[in-house]
């Protein structure tokens, strides 16, 4: 039996549903992060005294930076998931960009936006 080179429409539908579910969650998390960032910006208007305020400002800045980094990571994850949906539509989903072979379903279920098989990711496929 020849090695399978593409997933069937039914299999792709399963991955599309999984990706859409993850996208919904990721977008909700991103909105929550953005709301937290906006809220922490608004809270800096109370009149606290001198040094206490300076310490709080430092903590607020660190927290905002951390929230910004989380939001950026979440946005990147969303972009990767959206790109995976495009690959489903154009028929290239689940095919390793390094080896040209089908990525195992277990890997795609764990990391549905991946473009690399485990072998390629671990560097085992040196040409």
N, C-alpha and C. Protein backbone atom coordinates (compact mmCIF):
# COMPACT_ATOMS: atom_id res chain seq x y z
N UNK A 1 0.84 -1.19 0.00
CA UNK A 1 0.00 0.00 0.00
C UNK A 1 0.88 1.25 0.00
N UNK A 2 0.57 2.17 -0.87
CA UNK A 2 1.35 3.41 -0.98
C UNK A 2 1.17 4.27 0.27
N UNK A 3 2.22 5.01 0.60
CA UNK A 3 2.16 5.90 1.75
C UNK A 3 1.21 7.06 1.45
N UNK A 4 0.38 7.35 2.42
CA UNK A 4 -0.61 8.42 2.27
C UNK A 4 0.11 9.77 2.22
N UNK A 5 -0.28 10.64 1.28
CA UNK A 5 0.40 11.93 1.15
C UNK A 5 -0.49 13.10 1.55
N UNK A 6 -1.78 12.86 1.70
CA UNK A 6 -2.70 13.93 2.11
C UNK A 6 -3.77 13.36 3.03
N UNK A 7 -4.32 14.24 3.86
CA UNK A 7 -5.45 13.83 4.69
C UNK A 7 -6.74 13.95 3.90
N UNK A 8 -7.70 13.10 4.23
CA UNK A 8 -9.00 13.11 3.55
C UNK A 8 -9.80 14.35 3.97
N UNK A 9 -10.82 14.71 3.18
CA UNK A 9 -11.67 15.85 3.56
C UNK A 9 -12.28 15.68 4.96
N UNK A 10 -12.63 14.44 5.32
CA UNK A 10 -13.20 14.19 6.65
C UNK A 10 -12.17 14.47 7.74
N UNK A 11 -10.94 14.00 7.50
CA UNK A 11 -9.86 14.24 8.48
C UNK A 11 -9.56 15.73 8.58
N UNK A 12 -9.54 16.41 7.45
CA UNK A 12 -9.28 17.85 7.46
C UNK A 12 -10.38 18.60 8.20
N UNK A 13 -11.61 18.13 8.07
CA UNK A 13 -12.74 18.76 8.78
C UNK A 13 -12.54 18.63 10.29
N UNK A 14 -12.05 17.47 10.73
CA UNK A 14 -11.77 17.27 12.16
C UNK A 14 -10.73 18.30 12.64
N UNK A 15 -9.67 18.48 11.86
CA UNK A 15 -8.64 19.45 12.24
C UNK A 15 -9.17 20.88 12.18
N UNK A 16 -10.00 21.16 11.17
CA UNK A 16 -10.57 22.50 11.04
C UNK A 16 -11.43 22.83 12.26
N UNK A 17 -12.23 21.87 12.71
CA UNK A 17 -13.06 22.09 13.91
C UNK A 17 -12.19 22.32 15.13
N UNK A 18 -11.14 21.52 15.27
CA UNK A 18 -10.22 21.67 16.40
C UNK A 18 -9.56 23.05 16.39
N UNK A 19 -9.11 23.48 15.21
CA UNK A 19 -8.45 24.78 15.09
C UNK A 19 -9.43 25.91 15.39
N UNK A 20 -10.65 25.80 14.87
CA UNK A 20 -11.65 26.85 15.14
C UNK A 20 -11.97 26.95 16.63
N UNK A 21 -12.02 25.81 17.30
CA UNK A 21 -12.27 25.80 18.74
C UNK A 21 -11.12 26.50 19.47
N UNK A 22 -9.88 26.17 19.08
CA UNK A 22 -8.71 26.80 19.71
C UNK A 22 -8.67 28.30 19.40
N UNK A 23 -9.06 28.67 18.18
CA UNK A 23 -9.09 30.08 17.78
C UNK A 23 -10.06 30.87 18.64
N UNK A 24 -11.23 30.33 18.88
CA UNK A 24 -12.22 31.01 19.71
C UNK A 24 -11.67 31.26 21.10
N UNK A 25 -11.08 30.21 21.69
CA UNK A 25 -10.49 30.35 23.04
C UNK A 25 -9.36 31.38 23.03
N UNK A 26 -8.49 31.29 22.04
CA UNK A 26 -7.33 32.18 21.96
C UNK A 26 -7.77 33.64 21.81
N UNK A 27 -8.78 33.87 20.98
CA UNK A 27 -9.28 35.25 20.79
C UNK A 27 -9.90 35.78 22.07
N UNK A 28 -10.63 34.92 22.79
CA UNK A 28 -11.21 35.35 24.07
C UNK A 28 -10.12 35.70 25.07
N UNK A 29 -9.06 34.87 25.12
CA UNK A 29 -7.94 35.15 26.03
C UNK A 29 -7.25 36.46 25.65
N UNK A 30 -7.08 36.68 24.34
CA UNK A 30 -6.44 37.91 23.88
C UNK A 30 -7.28 39.13 24.28
N UNK A 31 -8.59 39.03 24.12
CA UNK A 31 -9.47 40.14 24.52
C UNK A 31 -9.38 40.40 26.01
N UNK A 32 -9.28 39.34 26.81
CA UNK A 32 -9.13 39.49 28.25
C UNK A 32 -7.81 40.18 28.58
N UNK A 33 -6.74 39.77 27.91
CA UNK A 33 -5.43 40.40 28.14
C UNK A 33 -5.47 41.88 27.76
N UNK A 34 -6.08 42.17 26.62
CA UNK A 34 -6.17 43.57 26.19
C UNK A 34 -7.00 44.39 27.17
N UNK A 35 -8.08 43.81 27.68
CA UNK A 35 -8.91 44.51 28.66
C UNK A 35 -8.11 44.77 29.94
N UNK A 36 -7.31 43.80 30.35
CA UNK A 36 -6.46 43.97 31.55
C UNK A 36 -5.45 45.09 31.33
N UNK A 37 -4.88 45.13 30.14
CA UNK A 37 -3.92 46.19 29.82
C UNK A 37 -4.59 47.56 29.88
N UNK A 38 -5.77 47.66 29.33
CA UNK A 38 -6.50 48.93 29.34
C UNK A 38 -6.85 49.33 30.76
N UNK A 39 -7.33 48.35 31.55
CA UNK A 39 -7.70 48.63 32.94
C UNK A 39 -6.50 49.10 33.75
N UNK A 40 -5.35 48.43 33.58
CA UNK A 40 -4.18 48.81 34.38
C UNK A 40 -3.69 50.20 33.97
N UNK A 41 -3.96 50.63 32.75
CA UNK A 41 -3.60 52.00 32.34
C UNK A 41 -4.52 53.01 33.01
N UNK A 42 -5.79 52.65 33.15
CA UNK A 42 -6.77 53.57 33.72
C UNK A 42 -6.60 53.75 35.23
N UNK A 43 -6.03 52.76 35.88
CA UNK A 43 -5.95 52.80 37.34
C UNK A 43 -4.85 53.72 37.85
N UNK A 44 -4.01 54.23 37.00
CA UNK A 44 -2.89 55.06 37.44
C UNK A 44 -3.26 56.50 37.73
N UNK A 45 -4.52 56.78 38.04
CA UNK A 45 -4.94 58.17 38.23
C UNK A 45 -5.18 58.54 39.69
N UNK A 46 -5.07 57.58 40.61
CA UNK A 46 -5.30 57.94 42.01
C UNK A 46 -4.09 58.69 42.57
N UNK A 47 -4.33 59.44 43.65
CA UNK A 47 -3.23 60.26 44.19
C UNK A 47 -2.66 59.59 45.45
N UNK A 48 -1.68 58.72 45.23
CA UNK A 48 -1.00 58.06 46.33
C UNK A 48 0.27 58.88 46.59
N UNK A 49 0.80 58.77 47.79
CA UNK A 49 1.97 59.59 48.13
C UNK A 49 3.27 59.02 47.60
N UNK A 50 4.18 59.94 47.26
CA UNK A 50 5.57 59.75 46.88
C UNK A 50 6.11 58.36 46.62
N UNK A 51 6.90 57.83 47.56
CA UNK A 51 7.63 56.58 47.34
C UNK A 51 6.72 55.39 47.10
N UNK A 52 5.62 55.34 47.79
CA UNK A 52 4.69 54.22 47.61
C UNK A 52 4.24 54.22 46.15
N UNK A 53 3.90 55.38 45.65
CA UNK A 53 3.45 55.50 44.27
C UNK A 53 4.55 55.07 43.30
N UNK A 54 5.78 55.45 43.57
CA UNK A 54 6.90 55.08 42.71
C UNK A 54 7.06 53.57 42.64
N UNK A 55 6.95 52.90 43.79
CA UNK A 55 7.05 51.45 43.82
C UNK A 55 5.90 50.82 43.04
N UNK A 56 4.71 51.35 43.23
CA UNK A 56 3.54 50.83 42.52
C UNK A 56 3.70 51.03 41.01
N UNK A 57 4.23 52.19 40.62
CA UNK A 57 4.44 52.46 39.19
C UNK A 57 5.37 51.42 38.58
N UNK A 58 6.43 51.07 39.32
CA UNK A 58 7.37 50.06 38.83
C UNK A 58 6.69 48.71 38.67
N UNK A 59 5.89 48.35 39.65
CA UNK A 59 5.17 47.07 39.58
C UNK A 59 4.15 47.11 38.45
N UNK A 60 3.46 48.24 38.30
CA UNK A 60 2.48 48.39 37.21
C UNK A 60 3.15 48.26 35.86
N UNK A 61 4.30 48.89 35.73
CA UNK A 61 5.04 48.83 34.46
C UNK A 61 5.45 47.40 34.14
N UNK A 62 5.96 46.69 35.13
CA UNK A 62 6.37 45.30 34.93
C UNK A 62 5.16 44.44 34.56
N UNK A 63 4.05 44.68 35.23
CA UNK A 63 2.84 43.92 34.93
C UNK A 63 2.34 44.21 33.51
N UNK A 64 2.35 45.48 33.14
CA UNK A 64 1.91 45.86 31.78
C UNK A 64 2.81 45.22 30.73
N UNK A 65 4.11 45.22 31.00
CA UNK A 65 5.05 44.61 30.06
C UNK A 65 4.77 43.12 29.91
N UNK A 66 4.53 42.47 31.04
CA UNK A 66 4.23 41.03 31.01
C UNK A 66 2.92 40.78 30.25
N UNK A 67 1.91 41.59 30.51
CA UNK A 67 0.63 41.45 29.81
C UNK A 67 0.81 41.70 28.31
N UNK A 68 1.63 42.68 27.98
CA UNK A 68 1.89 42.98 26.56
C UNK A 68 2.57 41.81 25.87
N UNK A 69 3.54 41.20 26.56
CA UNK A 69 4.23 40.03 25.98
C UNK A 69 3.27 38.86 25.80
N UNK A 70 2.41 38.64 26.81
CA UNK A 70 1.42 37.57 26.70
C UNK A 70 0.47 37.84 25.54
N UNK A 71 0.04 39.08 25.40
CA UNK A 71 -0.87 39.45 24.31
C UNK A 71 -0.19 39.24 22.96
N UNK A 72 1.08 39.60 22.86
CA UNK A 72 1.82 39.42 21.60
C UNK A 72 1.95 37.94 21.26
N UNK A 73 2.25 37.12 22.28
CA UNK A 73 2.35 35.67 22.06
C UNK A 73 1.01 35.09 21.62
N UNK A 74 -0.04 35.57 22.27
CA UNK A 74 -1.38 35.09 21.94
C UNK A 74 -1.75 35.48 20.51
N UNK A 75 -1.38 36.70 20.11
CA UNK A 75 -1.66 37.14 18.74
C UNK A 75 -0.89 36.29 17.73
N UNK A 76 0.34 35.94 18.05
CA UNK A 76 1.13 35.08 17.17
C UNK A 76 0.49 33.70 17.04
N UNK A 77 0.00 33.16 18.16
CA UNK A 77 -0.68 31.87 18.17
C UNK A 77 -1.93 31.93 17.28
N UNK A 78 -2.69 33.01 17.41
CA UNK A 78 -3.90 33.19 16.59
C UNK A 78 -3.52 33.25 15.11
N UNK A 79 -2.48 34.00 14.78
CA UNK A 79 -2.01 34.07 13.38
C UNK A 79 -1.62 32.69 12.86
N UNK A 80 -0.92 31.91 13.68
CA UNK A 80 -0.51 30.56 13.28
C UNK A 80 -1.72 29.67 13.04
N UNK A 81 -2.73 29.78 13.90
CA UNK A 81 -3.95 28.99 13.73
C UNK A 81 -4.69 29.41 12.45
N UNK A 82 -4.76 30.72 12.21
CA UNK A 82 -5.42 31.21 10.99
C UNK A 82 -4.68 30.73 9.75
N UNK A 83 -3.36 30.72 9.81
CA UNK A 83 -2.57 30.21 8.68
C UNK A 83 -2.82 28.72 8.46
N UNK A 84 -3.03 27.98 9.55
CA UNK A 84 -3.34 26.55 9.43
C UNK A 84 -4.67 26.35 8.71
N UNK A 85 -5.64 27.22 9.01
CA UNK A 85 -6.93 27.13 8.30
C UNK A 85 -6.75 27.39 6.80
N UNK A 86 -5.88 28.31 6.47
CA UNK A 86 -5.59 28.59 5.05
C UNK A 86 -4.98 27.35 4.40
N UNK A 87 -4.06 26.68 5.13
CA UNK A 87 -3.44 25.47 4.58
C UNK A 87 -4.48 24.36 4.40
N UNK A 88 -5.48 24.30 5.27
CA UNK A 88 -6.55 23.31 5.09
C UNK A 88 -7.28 23.62 3.78
N UNK A 89 -7.60 24.89 3.57
CA UNK A 89 -8.34 25.29 2.36
C UNK A 89 -7.54 25.03 1.08
N UNK A 90 -6.22 25.27 1.13
CA UNK A 90 -5.44 25.10 -0.10
C UNK A 90 -4.81 23.71 -0.24
N UNK A 91 -5.13 22.82 0.70
CA UNK A 91 -4.73 21.42 0.56
C UNK A 91 -3.32 21.08 0.99
N UNK A 92 -2.65 21.99 1.70
CA UNK A 92 -1.27 21.70 2.13
C UNK A 92 -1.19 21.40 3.63
N UNK A 93 -2.34 21.38 4.31
CA UNK A 93 -2.33 21.15 5.76
C UNK A 93 -1.86 19.73 6.08
N UNK A 94 -1.03 19.64 7.11
CA UNK A 94 -0.59 18.33 7.60
C UNK A 94 0.61 17.77 6.86
N UNK A 95 1.14 18.55 5.94
CA UNK A 95 2.32 18.10 5.18
C UNK A 95 3.54 18.86 5.69
N UNK A 96 4.55 18.12 6.12
CA UNK A 96 5.75 18.73 6.68
C UNK A 96 6.47 19.56 5.62
N UNK A 97 6.77 20.81 5.96
CA UNK A 97 7.46 21.68 5.00
C UNK A 97 8.91 21.25 4.79
N UNK A 98 9.45 20.48 5.72
CA UNK A 98 10.84 20.04 5.59
C UNK A 98 10.98 18.71 4.85
N UNK A 99 10.10 17.76 5.19
CA UNK A 99 10.24 16.42 4.61
C UNK A 99 9.26 16.14 3.47
N UNK A 100 8.17 16.93 3.41
CA UNK A 100 7.14 16.68 2.40
C UNK A 100 6.25 15.50 2.75
N UNK A 101 6.46 14.92 3.93
CA UNK A 101 5.66 13.77 4.36
C UNK A 101 4.52 14.24 5.26
N UNK A 102 3.55 13.37 5.43
CA UNK A 102 2.41 13.67 6.27
C UNK A 102 2.84 13.74 7.74
N UNK A 103 2.39 14.77 8.43
CA UNK A 103 2.64 14.91 9.87
C UNK A 103 1.64 14.00 10.59
N UNK A 104 2.10 13.28 11.58
CA UNK A 104 1.22 12.34 12.29
C UNK A 104 0.06 13.08 12.96
N UNK A 105 -1.09 12.41 12.94
CA UNK A 105 -2.31 13.00 13.52
C UNK A 105 -2.14 13.39 14.98
N UNK A 106 -1.44 12.57 15.74
CA UNK A 106 -1.25 12.85 17.17
C UNK A 106 -0.57 14.20 17.35
N UNK A 107 0.42 14.45 16.52
CA UNK A 107 1.14 15.73 16.59
C UNK A 107 0.22 16.88 16.21
N UNK A 108 -0.56 16.70 15.15
CA UNK A 108 -1.46 17.76 14.71
C UNK A 108 -2.54 18.03 15.75
N UNK A 109 -2.97 17.00 16.44
CA UNK A 109 -3.98 17.23 17.48
C UNK A 109 -3.38 18.01 18.65
N UNK A 110 -2.13 17.75 18.95
CA UNK A 110 -1.45 18.44 20.05
C UNK A 110 -1.06 19.87 19.65
N UNK A 111 -0.55 20.02 18.42
CA UNK A 111 -0.10 21.32 17.92
C UNK A 111 -0.71 21.51 16.51
N UNK A 112 -2.00 21.89 16.45
CA UNK A 112 -2.69 21.88 15.17
C UNK A 112 -2.15 22.87 14.13
N UNK A 113 -1.35 23.82 14.56
CA UNK A 113 -0.82 24.80 13.60
C UNK A 113 0.59 24.44 13.12
N UNK A 114 1.12 23.30 13.55
CA UNK A 114 2.49 22.94 13.19
C UNK A 114 2.64 22.71 11.69
N UNK A 115 3.82 22.99 11.20
CA UNK A 115 4.16 22.74 9.80
C UNK A 115 5.33 21.76 9.71
N UNK A 116 5.71 21.20 10.86
CA UNK A 116 6.88 20.32 10.92
C UNK A 116 6.54 19.00 11.59
N UNK A 117 7.01 17.91 11.02
CA UNK A 117 6.87 16.61 11.67
C UNK A 117 7.82 16.57 12.86
N UNK A 118 7.60 15.61 13.73
CA UNK A 118 8.49 15.45 14.90
C UNK A 118 9.93 15.22 14.43
N UNK A 119 10.11 14.36 13.43
CA UNK A 119 11.44 14.07 12.92
C UNK A 119 12.14 15.36 12.46
N UNK A 120 11.42 16.16 11.70
CA UNK A 120 12.01 17.42 11.21
C UNK A 120 12.29 18.36 12.39
N UNK A 121 11.37 18.44 13.33
CA UNK A 121 11.52 19.32 14.47
C UNK A 121 12.75 18.93 15.31
N UNK A 122 12.97 17.65 15.45
CA UNK A 122 14.10 17.17 16.24
C UNK A 122 15.41 17.15 15.42
N UNK A 123 15.33 17.52 14.16
CA UNK A 123 16.53 17.59 13.35
C UNK A 123 17.03 16.25 12.85
N UNK A 124 16.16 15.25 12.84
CA UNK A 124 16.57 13.91 12.41
C UNK A 124 16.60 13.76 10.89
N UNK A 125 16.05 14.76 10.20
CA UNK A 125 15.97 14.61 8.74
C UNK A 125 16.98 15.51 8.04
N UNK A 126 18.21 15.32 8.37
CA UNK A 126 19.29 16.07 7.70
C UNK A 126 19.49 15.48 6.31
N UNK A 127 19.40 16.32 5.29
CA UNK A 127 19.57 15.78 3.92
C UNK A 127 21.02 15.61 3.57
